[in-house]
Amino acid sequence: MRTAVDPRFTARRIEVRESWARRRLRWIVIALGIVLVGAVGYALFQSPWLAIRTISVEGATRAAVHETLDAAAVHAGMPTVAVRPRLIEESLRRDPWVADARVEVAWPGSIDITVIERSPAAWLRTTTGWALVAYDGTLVARGEPAVDEPVLLTDVGPLVVGETISNPDIVGAATLLGLLPPVLAVGATAEVFPAGIEATIGGFRVLVGNGRDIPEKVATVIAILTSDPPQEGAVINVISPTRPGINNPQPLVEGESEEVSPSEISG
C-alpha cells in the first residue's frame, strides 16, 4: 500500500534544491568576476599605458648606472608594477663609485634615480698597482696617476677595488692630499709612518701626526704656504693645527745629519 507524500514536503525539497542551486550559481558568478577582474587588472598593468617610459638619473658622473640597470633587467617598456626600487638601490650600491642611491617610482611610468658618488682623494700605492682612493677610504678604481697628481706612497697590501681601508691614518693621509688646492696638490705626496703622517707639499716637508682633524691641518698648511712661506728647506709641523711649528734650516755642524725626524719637532 502506498503512502501519499504530503505536497508540503515535496515543495520544501524543491525549495531546498533551488536554494543550493542559487548559492552555487552565486559563487560561480563571484569566482568568474574575480577571474575577470584579475585578468583585466593584469592586462592593464602589463599594458603600454602603465609601462616605464622614462628613467632619469641624477648625480652620476663616474658610476656605471646604465650598465647596472641593464644587468638588473630594468629598462624602458617594462611594467611599472614590476619595478623593485630596493633591489635596484642594492645593485647600484655595489658599484664602488656609489656611496648611496635612492630609487623612486612615479606612476604611471617613470623611475627617478638619485646617486651620491664618492669623490676621489688621491692615488694609493698597493702591492697590485696604483688605485684611486675616495675620502672614505674606499678604492674606487685602478689605473695610473698622471704626472704631478698627489699620491699616497704607503703600500697598503693587495686590496681590490670596492674594499674600504680601515686604517684611519691612511684614510687621513688620502684626505689630506684630496683637500689641497690645485696649486699645492701638484707633486704632493704623503706617507704613513708609525710616528704619524708625513707629507711633501709645495716642496716643504710637513709633519701631520695622526689622521684626526685633517681639514684643520690642511687649512693651517694652506695659510702658512700662501701667506708668508717659510725658508726653503723648512719643516712645517701641524700635528697641533692651532699651534703649528716651523723649523727653519740651520747651518750644519760638522758630523751632523741634515735629516730631521718627526720626534725632533714639536707643535
C-alpha atoms as a PDB file:
ATOM      1  CA  MET A   1       0.000   0.000   0.000  1.00  0.00           C
ATOM      2  CA  ARG A   2       1.393   3.337  -0.973  1.00  0.00           C
ATOM      3  CA  THR A   3       1.598   6.226   1.401  1.00  0.00           C
ATOM      4  CA  ALA A   4       0.793   9.578  -0.074  1.00  0.00           C
ATOM      5  CA  VAL A   5       3.535  12.197   0.260  1.00  0.00           C
ATOM      6  CA  ASP A   6       2.473  15.442   1.700  1.00  0.00           C
ATOM      7  CA  PRO A   7       2.790  18.081  -1.041  1.00  0.00           C
ATOM      8  CA  ARG A   8       4.337  20.392   1.515  1.00  0.00           C
ATOM      9  CA  PHE A   9       7.373  18.110   1.886  1.00  0.00           C
ATOM     10  CA  THR A  10       7.753  17.921  -1.864  1.00  0.00           C
ATOM     11  CA  ALA A  11       7.605  21.708  -2.155  1.00  0.00           C
ATOM     12  CA  ARG A  12      10.164  22.025   0.652  1.00  0.00           C
ATOM     13  CA  ARG A  13      12.600  19.656  -1.074  1.00  0.00           C
ATOM     14  CA  ILE A  14      12.246  21.593  -4.297  1.00  0.00           C
ATOM     15  CA  GLU A  15      12.813  24.860  -2.429  1.00  0.00           C
ATOM     16  CA  VAL A  16      16.000  23.500  -0.791  1.00  0.00           C
ATOM     17  CA  ARG A  17      17.404  22.247  -4.099  1.00  0.00           C
ATOM     18  CA  GLU A  18      16.663  25.576  -5.759  1.00  0.00           C
ATOM     19  CA  SER A  19      18.321  27.431  -2.852  1.00  0.00           C
ATOM     20  CA  TRP A  20      21.501  25.363  -3.215  1.00  0.00           C
ATOM     21  CA  ALA A  21      21.440  25.888  -6.949  1.00  0.00           C
ATOM     22  CA  ARG A  22      21.161  29.643  -6.464  1.00  0.00           C
ATOM     23  CA  ARG A  23      24.049  29.595  -3.983  1.00  0.00           C
ATOM     24  CA  ARG A  24      26.267  27.638  -6.347  1.00  0.00           C
ATOM     25  CA  LEU A  25      25.381  29.972  -9.176  1.00  0.00           C
ATOM     26  CA  ARG A  26      26.179  32.964  -6.980  1.00  0.00           C
ATOM     27  CA  TRP A  27      29.640  31.594  -6.084  1.00  0.00           C
ATOM     28  CA  ILE A  28      30.315  30.706  -9.694  1.00  0.00           C
ATOM     29  CA  VAL A  29      29.415  34.251 -10.746  1.00  0.00           C
ATOM     30  CA  ILE A  30      31.622  35.705  -7.980  1.00  0.00           C
ATOM     31  CA  ALA A  31      34.540  33.450  -8.963  1.00  0.00           C
ATOM     32  CA  LEU A  32      34.172  34.358 -12.612  1.00  0.00           C
ATOM     33  CA  GLY A  33      34.026  38.020 -11.641  1.00  0.00           C
ATOM     34  CA  ILE A  34      37.232  37.726  -9.636  1.00  0.00           C
ATOM     35  CA  VAL A  35      38.965  35.952 -12.504  1.00  0.00           C
ATOM     36  CA  LEU A  36      37.700  38.573 -14.947  1.00  0.00           C
ATOM     37  CA  VAL A  37      38.789  41.482 -12.746  1.00  0.00           C
ATOM     38  CA  GLY A  38      42.191  39.839 -12.234  1.00  0.00           C
ATOM     39  CA  ALA A  39      42.615  39.273 -15.938  1.00  0.00           C
ATOM     40  CA  VAL A  40      41.625  42.840 -16.732  1.00  0.00           C
ATOM     41  CA  GLY A  41      43.930  44.160 -13.988  1.00  0.00           C
ATOM     42  CA  TYR A  42      46.831  42.025 -15.164  1.00  0.00           C
ATOM     43  CA  ALA A  43      46.296  43.130 -18.749  1.00  0.00           C
ATOM     44  CA  LEU A  44      46.080  46.741 -17.624  1.00  0.00           C
ATOM     45  CA  PHE A  45      49.269  46.617 -15.544  1.00  0.00           C
ATOM     46  CA  GLN A  46      51.096  44.875 -18.380  1.00  0.00           C
ATOM     47  CA  SER A  47      49.814  47.287 -20.975  1.00  0.00           C
ATOM     48  CA  PRO A  48      51.996  50.002 -22.583  1.00  0.00           C
ATOM     49  CA  TRP A  49      49.901  52.626 -20.776  1.00  0.00           C
ATOM     50  CA  LEU A  50      51.399  51.572 -17.435  1.00  0.00           C
ATOM     51  CA  ALA A  51      54.873  50.633 -18.673  1.00  0.00           C
ATOM     52  CA  ILE A  52      58.060  52.518 -17.792  1.00  0.00           C
ATOM     53  CA  ARG A  53      58.537  55.307 -20.299  1.00  0.00           C
ATOM     54  CA  THR A  54      61.332  57.358 -18.723  1.00  0.00           C
ATOM     55  CA  ILE A  55      64.301  56.606 -16.462  1.00  0.00           C
ATOM     56  CA  SER A  56      66.025  59.704 -15.078  1.00  0.00           C
ATOM     57  CA  VAL A  57      69.400  59.608 -13.343  1.00  0.00           C
ATOM     58  CA  GLU A  58      70.890  62.447 -11.301  1.00  0.00           C
ATOM     59  CA  GLY A  59      74.285  62.733  -9.627  1.00  0.00           C
ATOM     60  CA  ALA A  60      76.122  60.063 -11.617  1.00  0.00           C
ATOM     61  CA  THR A  61      79.254  61.071 -13.498  1.00  0.00           C
ATOM     62  CA  ARG A  62      81.551  58.100 -12.882  1.00  0.00           C
ATOM     63  CA  ALA A  63      79.202  55.347 -11.706  1.00  0.00           C
ATOM     64  CA  ALA A  64      78.110  52.841 -14.340  1.00  0.00           C
ATOM     65  CA  VAL A  65      74.400  53.329 -13.621  1.00  0.00           C
ATOM     66  CA  HIS A  66      73.037  52.277 -17.007  1.00  0.00           C
ATOM     67  CA  GLU A  67      75.166  49.125 -17.066  1.00  0.00           C
ATOM     68  CA  THR A  68      73.868  48.265 -13.594  1.00  0.00           C
ATOM     69  CA  LEU A  69      70.273  48.807 -14.731  1.00  0.00           C
ATOM     70  CA  ASP A  70      70.824  46.595 -17.769  1.00  0.00           C
ATOM     71  CA  ALA A  71      72.230  43.833 -15.568  1.00  0.00           C
ATOM     72  CA  ALA A  72      69.191  44.127 -13.282  1.00  0.00           C
ATOM     73  CA  ALA A  73      66.824  43.963 -16.302  1.00  0.00           C
ATOM     74  CA  VAL A  74      65.472  47.450 -15.608  1.00  0.00           C
ATOM     75  CA  HIS A  75      64.575  49.208 -18.834  1.00  0.00           C
ATOM     76  CA  ALA A  76      62.012  51.383 -20.557  1.00  0.00           C
ATOM     77  CA  GLY A  77      58.976  49.350 -21.580  1.00  0.00           C
ATOM     78  CA  MET A  78      58.933  47.092 -18.525  1.00  0.00           C
ATOM     79  CA  PRO A  79      55.710  47.071 -16.445  1.00  0.00           C
ATOM     80  CA  THR A  80      55.818  49.733 -13.757  1.00  0.00           C
ATOM     81  CA  VAL A  81      54.366  47.230 -11.278  1.00  0.00           C
ATOM     82  CA  ALA A  82      57.436  45.004 -11.798  1.00  0.00           C
ATOM     83  CA  VAL A  83      59.936  47.648 -10.654  1.00  0.00           C
ATOM     84  CA  ARG A  84      61.559  46.865  -7.283  1.00  0.00           C
ATOM     85  CA  PRO A  85      63.190  50.096  -6.022  1.00  0.00           C
ATOM     86  CA  ARG A  86      65.021  48.498  -3.071  1.00  0.00           C
ATOM     87  CA  LEU A  87      66.612  45.829  -5.251  1.00  0.00           C
ATOM     88  CA  ILE A  88      67.746  48.467  -7.742  1.00  0.00           C
ATOM     89  CA  GLU A  89      69.290  50.517  -4.919  1.00  0.00           C
ATOM     90  CA  GLU A  90      71.193  47.473  -3.660  1.00  0.00           C
ATOM     91  CA  SER A  91      72.514  46.798  -7.163  1.00  0.00           C
ATOM     92  CA  LEU A  92      73.654  50.404  -7.580  1.00  0.00           C
ATOM     93  CA  ARG A  93      75.434  50.442  -4.218  1.00  0.00           C
ATOM     94  CA  ARG A  94      77.621  47.557  -5.337  1.00  0.00           C
ATOM     95  CA  ASP A  95      79.364  49.979  -7.695  1.00  0.00           C
ATOM     96  CA  PRO A  96      82.485  51.238  -5.832  1.00  0.00           C
ATOM     97  CA  TRP A  97      81.775  54.780  -7.038  1.00  0.00           C
ATOM     98  CA  VAL A  98      78.313  54.814  -5.448  1.00  0.00           C
ATOM     99  CA  ALA A  99      78.156  55.891  -1.813  1.00  0.00           C
ATOM    100  CA  ASP A 100      74.368  55.870  -1.768  1.00  0.00           C
ATOM    101  CA  ALA A 101      71.424  55.635  -4.152  1.00  0.00           C
ATOM    102  CA  ARG A 102      67.716  56.401  -3.999  1.00  0.00           C
ATOM    103  CA  VAL A 103      65.177  54.980  -6.449  1.00  0.00           C
ATOM    104  CA  GLU A 104      61.612  56.256  -6.680  1.00  0.00           C
ATOM    105  CA  VAL A 105      58.860  55.000  -8.958  1.00  0.00           C
ATOM    106  CA  ALA A 106      56.416  57.627 -10.172  1.00  0.00           C
ATOM    107  CA  TRP A 107      53.214  56.219 -11.621  1.00  0.00           C
ATOM    108  CA  PRO A 108      52.224  55.587 -14.241  1.00  0.00           C
ATOM    109  CA  GLY A 109      55.590  55.149 -15.941  1.00  0.00           C
ATOM    110  CA  SER A 110      58.836  56.705 -14.681  1.00  0.00           C
ATOM    111  CA  ILE A 111      61.806  55.801 -12.499  1.00  0.00           C
ATOM    112  CA  ASP A 112      63.770  58.573 -10.781  1.00  0.00           C
ATOM    113  CA  ILE A 113      67.276  57.615  -9.624  1.00  0.00           C
ATOM    114  CA  THR A 114      69.457  59.822  -7.451  1.00  0.00           C
ATOM    115  CA  VAL A 115      73.081  58.766  -6.973  1.00  0.00           C
ATOM    116  CA  ILE A 116      75.555  60.110  -4.425  1.00  0.00           C
ATOM    117  CA  GLU A 117      79.038  59.329  -5.683  1.00  0.00           C
ATOM    118  CA  ARG A 118      82.251  59.001  -3.759  1.00  0.00           C
ATOM    119  CA  SER A 119      84.825  61.676  -4.507  1.00  0.00           C
ATOM    120  CA  PRO A 120      88.373  60.579  -5.333  1.00  0.00           C
ATOM    121  CA  ALA A 121      91.004  61.889  -2.935  1.00  0.00           C
ATOM    122  CA  ALA A 122      94.373  60.559  -4.091  1.00  0.00           C
ATOM    123  CA  TRP A 123      96.223  57.730  -5.776  1.00  0.00           C
ATOM    124  CA  LEU A 124      97.366  54.997  -3.439  1.00  0.00           C
ATOM    125  CA  ARG A 125     100.172  52.528  -3.995  1.00  0.00           C
ATOM    126  CA  THR A 126      99.220  48.890  -3.401  1.00  0.00           C
ATOM    127  CA  THR A 127     101.096  45.665  -3.976  1.00  0.00           C
ATOM    128  CA  THR A 128      98.982  45.099  -7.089  1.00  0.00           C
ATOM    129  CA  GLY A 129      99.458  48.573  -8.580  1.00  0.00           C
ATOM    130  CA  TRP A 130      98.008  52.048  -8.176  1.00  0.00           C
ATOM    131  CA  ALA A 131      94.438  52.557  -7.014  1.00  0.00           C
ATOM    132  CA  LEU A 132      92.299  55.648  -6.646  1.00  0.00           C
ATOM    133  CA  VAL A 133      91.025  56.003  -3.094  1.00  0.00           C
ATOM    134  CA  ALA A 134      87.980  58.041  -2.059  1.00  0.00           C
ATOM    135  CA  TYR A 135      87.671  60.221   1.034  1.00  0.00           C
ATOM    136  CA  ASP A 136      86.001  57.416   2.981  1.00  0.00           C
ATOM    137  CA  GLY A 137      88.873  55.042   2.221  1.00  0.00           C
ATOM    138  CA  THR A 138      87.105  53.039  -0.490  1.00  0.00           C
ATOM    139  CA  LEU A 139      89.164  52.005  -3.506  1.00  0.00           C
ATOM    140  CA  VAL A 140      87.089  53.141  -6.465  1.00  0.00           C
ATOM    141  CA  ALA A 141      89.284  52.419  -9.494  1.00  0.00           C
ATOM    142  CA  ARG A 142      92.569  51.058 -10.786  1.00  0.00           C
ATOM    143  CA  GLY A 143      94.893  52.979 -13.055  1.00  0.00           C
ATOM    144  CA  GLU A 144      97.994  55.142 -13.117  1.00  0.00           C
ATOM    145  CA  PRO A 145      98.332  58.610 -11.613  1.00  0.00           C
ATOM    146  CA  ALA A 146      99.009  61.427 -14.015  1.00  0.00           C
ATOM    147  CA  VAL A 147     102.227  63.372 -13.765  1.00  0.00           C
ATOM    148  CA  ASP A 148     102.235  65.636 -10.692  1.00  0.00           C
ATOM    149  CA  GLU A 149      98.995  64.197  -9.263  1.00  0.00           C
ATOM    150  CA  PRO A 150      99.093  63.815  -5.460  1.00  0.00           C
ATOM    151  CA  VAL A 151      99.994  60.286  -4.418  1.00  0.00           C
ATOM    152  CA  LEU A 152      99.967  58.316  -1.175  1.00  0.00           C
ATOM    153  CA  LEU A 153     103.140  56.266  -1.064  1.00  0.00           C
ATOM    154  CA  THR A 154     102.230  53.933   1.794  1.00  0.00           C
ATOM    155  CA  ASP A 155     101.795  50.391   0.475  1.00  0.00           C
ATOM    156  CA  VAL A 156      98.512  49.022   1.862  1.00  0.00           C
ATOM    157  CA  GLY A 157      98.799  45.486   0.534  1.00  0.00           C
ATOM    158  CA  PRO A 158      96.777  43.575  -2.075  1.00  0.00           C
ATOM    159  CA  LEU A 159      93.462  45.419  -1.826  1.00  0.00           C
ATOM    160  CA  VAL A 160      90.865  45.152  -4.563  1.00  0.00           C
ATOM    161  CA  VAL A 161      88.520  47.791  -5.953  1.00  0.00           C
ATOM    162  CA  GLY A 162      85.490  48.131  -3.708  1.00  0.00           C
ATOM    163  CA  GLU A 163      87.341  47.417  -0.466  1.00  0.00           C
ATOM    164  CA  THR A 164      87.481  50.092   2.218  1.00  0.00           C
ATOM    165  CA  ILE A 165      90.665  50.873   4.121  1.00  0.00           C
ATOM    166  CA  SER A 166      90.133  50.756   7.874  1.00  0.00           C
ATOM    167  CA  ASN A 167      93.394  52.417   8.963  1.00  0.00           C
ATOM    168  CA  PRO A 168      92.394  55.982   9.959  1.00  0.00           C
ATOM    169  CA  ASP A 169      95.860  57.383   9.313  1.00  0.00           C
ATOM    170  CA  ILE A 170      95.917  56.098   5.735  1.00  0.00           C
ATOM    171  CA  VAL A 171      92.427  57.471   5.145  1.00  0.00           C
ATOM    172  CA  GLY A 172      93.516  60.738   6.749  1.00  0.00           C
ATOM    173  CA  ALA A 173      96.582  60.950   4.510  1.00  0.00           C
ATOM    174  CA  ALA A 174      94.440  60.432   1.406  1.00  0.00           C
ATOM    175  CA  THR A 175      92.010  63.087   2.632  1.00  0.00           C
ATOM    176  CA  LEU A 176      94.900  65.468   3.246  1.00  0.00           C
ATOM    177  CA  LEU A 177      96.030  65.186  -0.368  1.00  0.00           C
ATOM    178  CA  GLY A 178      92.491  65.433  -1.691  1.00  0.00           C
ATOM    179  CA  LEU A 179      91.771  68.672   0.161  1.00  0.00           C
ATOM    180  CA  LEU A 180      94.800  70.512  -1.174  1.00  0.00           C
ATOM    181  CA  PRO A 181      94.087  73.308  -3.658  1.00  0.00           C
ATOM    182  CA  PRO A 182      95.395  72.639  -7.181  1.00  0.00           C
ATOM    183  CA  VAL A 183      98.413  74.907  -6.781  1.00  0.00           C
ATOM    184  CA  LEU A 184      99.620  72.891  -3.772  1.00  0.00           C
ATOM    185  CA  ALA A 185      98.402  69.483  -4.952  1.00  0.00           C
ATOM    186  CA  VAL A 186     100.883  69.394  -7.826  1.00  0.00           C
ATOM    187  CA  GLY A 187     103.581  66.893  -6.923  1.00  0.00           C
ATOM    188  CA  ALA A 188     102.294  66.475  -3.358  1.00  0.00           C
ATOM    189  CA  THR A 189     102.942  63.165  -1.616  1.00  0.00           C
ATOM    190  CA  ALA A 190     102.061  61.635   1.735  1.00  0.00           C
ATOM    191  CA  GLU A 191     103.244  58.603   3.623  1.00  0.00           C
ATOM    192  CA  VAL A 192     102.175  56.972   6.873  1.00  0.00           C
ATOM    193  CA  PHE A 193     104.831  56.057   9.438  1.00  0.00           C
ATOM    194  CA  PRO A 194     104.493  54.696  12.991  1.00  0.00           C
ATOM    195  CA  ALA A 195     105.020  58.270  14.222  1.00  0.00           C
ATOM    196  CA  GLY A 196     102.212  59.561  12.024  1.00  0.00           C
ATOM    197  CA  ILE A 197     101.569  61.056   8.604  1.00  0.00           C
ATOM    198  CA  GLU A 198     104.307  62.902   6.803  1.00  0.00           C
ATOM    199  CA  ALA A 199     103.729  64.832   3.579  1.00  0.00           C
ATOM    200  CA  THR A 200     105.594  66.859   0.999  1.00  0.00           C
ATOM    201  CA  ILE A 201     103.520  69.870  -0.011  1.00  0.00           C
ATOM    202  CA  GLY A 202     104.724  72.781  -2.110  1.00  0.00           C
ATOM    203  CA  GLY A 203     108.248  71.479  -1.764  1.00  0.00           C
ATOM    204  CA  PHE A 204     108.111  71.527   2.050  1.00  0.00           C
ATOM    205  CA  ARG A 205     108.172  68.622   4.423  1.00  0.00           C
ATOM    206  CA  VAL A 206     105.016  68.624   6.561  1.00  0.00           C
ATOM    207  CA  LEU A 207     104.548  66.671   9.776  1.00  0.00           C
ATOM    208  CA  VAL A 208     100.840  65.908  10.143  1.00  0.00           C
ATOM    209  CA  GLY A 209     100.608  63.472  13.035  1.00  0.00           C
ATOM    210  CA  ASN A 210      97.586  61.169  13.165  1.00  0.00           C
ATOM    211  CA  GLY A 211      94.600  61.123  10.847  1.00  0.00           C
ATOM    212  CA  ARG A 212      92.377  63.286  13.036  1.00  0.00           C
ATOM    213  CA  ASP A 213      91.475  66.936  12.344  1.00  0.00           C
ATOM    214  CA  ILE A 214      92.718  66.690   8.765  1.00  0.00           C
ATOM    215  CA  PRO A 215      90.630  69.612   7.396  1.00  0.00           C
ATOM    216  CA  GLU A 216      92.019  71.898  10.124  1.00  0.00           C
ATOM    217  CA  LYS A 217      95.562  70.713   9.448  1.00  0.00           C
ATOM    218  CA  VAL A 218      95.162  71.303   5.714  1.00  0.00           C
ATOM    219  CA  ALA A 219      93.782  74.797   6.370  1.00  0.00           C
ATOM    220  CA  THR A 220      96.828  75.570   8.539  1.00  0.00           C
ATOM    221  CA  VAL A 221      99.251  74.336   5.876  1.00  0.00           C
ATOM    222  CA  ILE A 222      97.498  76.432   3.218  1.00  0.00           C
ATOM    223  CA  ALA A 223      97.638  79.509   5.435  1.00  0.00           C
ATOM    224  CA  ILE A 224     101.365  79.047   6.086  1.00  0.00           C
ATOM    225  CA  LEU A 225     102.309  78.417   2.464  1.00  0.00           C
ATOM    226  CA  THR A 226     100.151  81.144   0.915  1.00  0.00           C
ATOM    227  CA  SER A 227     100.593  83.987   3.408  1.00  0.00           C
ATOM    228  CA  ASP A 228     104.257  84.058   4.355  1.00  0.00           C
ATOM    229  CA  PRO A 229     106.071  80.968   3.042  1.00  0.00           C
ATOM    230  CA  PRO A 230     108.932  79.759   5.252  1.00  0.00           C
ATOM    231  CA  GLN A 231     112.530  79.497   4.162  1.00  0.00           C
ATOM    232  CA  GLU A 232     113.463  76.885   1.647  1.00  0.00           C
ATOM    233  CA  GLY A 233     114.114  73.585   3.406  1.00  0.00           C
ATOM    234  CA  ALA A 234     111.933  74.411   6.417  1.00  0.00           C
ATOM    235  CA  VAL A 235     109.860  71.685   8.057  1.00  0.00           C
ATOM    236  CA  ILE A 236     106.246  72.533   8.869  1.00  0.00           C
ATOM    237  CA  ASN A 237     104.612  70.913  11.873  1.00  0.00           C
ATOM    238  CA  VAL A 238     100.796  70.874  12.032  1.00  0.00           C
ATOM    239  CA  ILE A 239     100.409  67.984  14.458  1.00  0.00           C
ATOM    240  CA  SER A 240      98.517  70.520  16.554  1.00  0.00           C
ATOM    241  CA  PRO A 241      96.836  72.677  13.893  1.00  0.00           C
ATOM    242  CA  THR A 242      96.070  75.503  16.310  1.00  0.00           C
ATOM    243  CA  ARG A 243      99.745  75.699  17.363  1.00  0.00           C
ATOM    244  CA  PRO A 244     101.754  75.000  14.213  1.00  0.00           C
ATOM    245  CA  GLY A 245     105.525  74.984  14.241  1.00  0.00           C
ATOM    246  CA  ILE A 246     108.092  75.826  11.581  1.00  0.00           C
ATOM    247  CA  ASN A 247     111.627  74.529  11.849  1.00  0.00           C
ATOM    248  CA  ASN A 248     113.799  76.673   9.585  1.00  0.00           C
ATOM    249  CA  PRO A 249     117.012  75.124   8.319  1.00  0.00           C
ATOM    250  CA  GLN A 250     120.090  75.707  10.465  1.00  0.00           C
ATOM    251  CA  PRO A 251     123.704  75.688   9.352  1.00  0.00           C
ATOM    252  CA  LEU A 252     125.060  72.198   9.655  1.00  0.00           C
ATOM    253  CA  VAL A 253     127.663  71.417  12.272  1.00  0.00           C
ATOM    254  CA  GLU A 254     130.323  69.053  11.069  1.00  0.00           C
ATOM    255  CA  GLY A 255     129.237  65.478  11.666  1.00  0.00           C
ATOM    256  CA  GLU A 256     125.504  66.309  11.960  1.00  0.00           C
ATOM    257  CA  SER A 257     122.877  64.980   9.602  1.00  0.00           C
ATOM    258  CA  GLU A 258     120.572  67.207   7.624  1.00  0.00           C
ATOM    259  CA  GLU A 259     117.621  64.872   8.257  1.00  0.00           C
ATOM    260  CA  VAL A 260     115.019  65.925  10.822  1.00  0.00           C
ATOM    261  CA  SER A 261     112.871  63.231  12.404  1.00  0.00           C
ATOM    262  CA  PRO A 262     109.262  63.822  13.432  1.00  0.00           C
ATOM    263  CA  SER A 263     110.132  63.299  17.081  1.00  0.00           C
ATOM    264  CA  GLU A 264     112.563  66.247  16.972  1.00  0.00           C
ATOM    265  CA  ILE A 265     109.873  68.760  16.041  1.00  0.00           C
ATOM    266  CA  SER A 266     107.207  69.888  18.465  1.00  0.00           C
ATOM    267  CA  GLY A 267     103.990  71.678  17.503  1.00  0.00           C
END
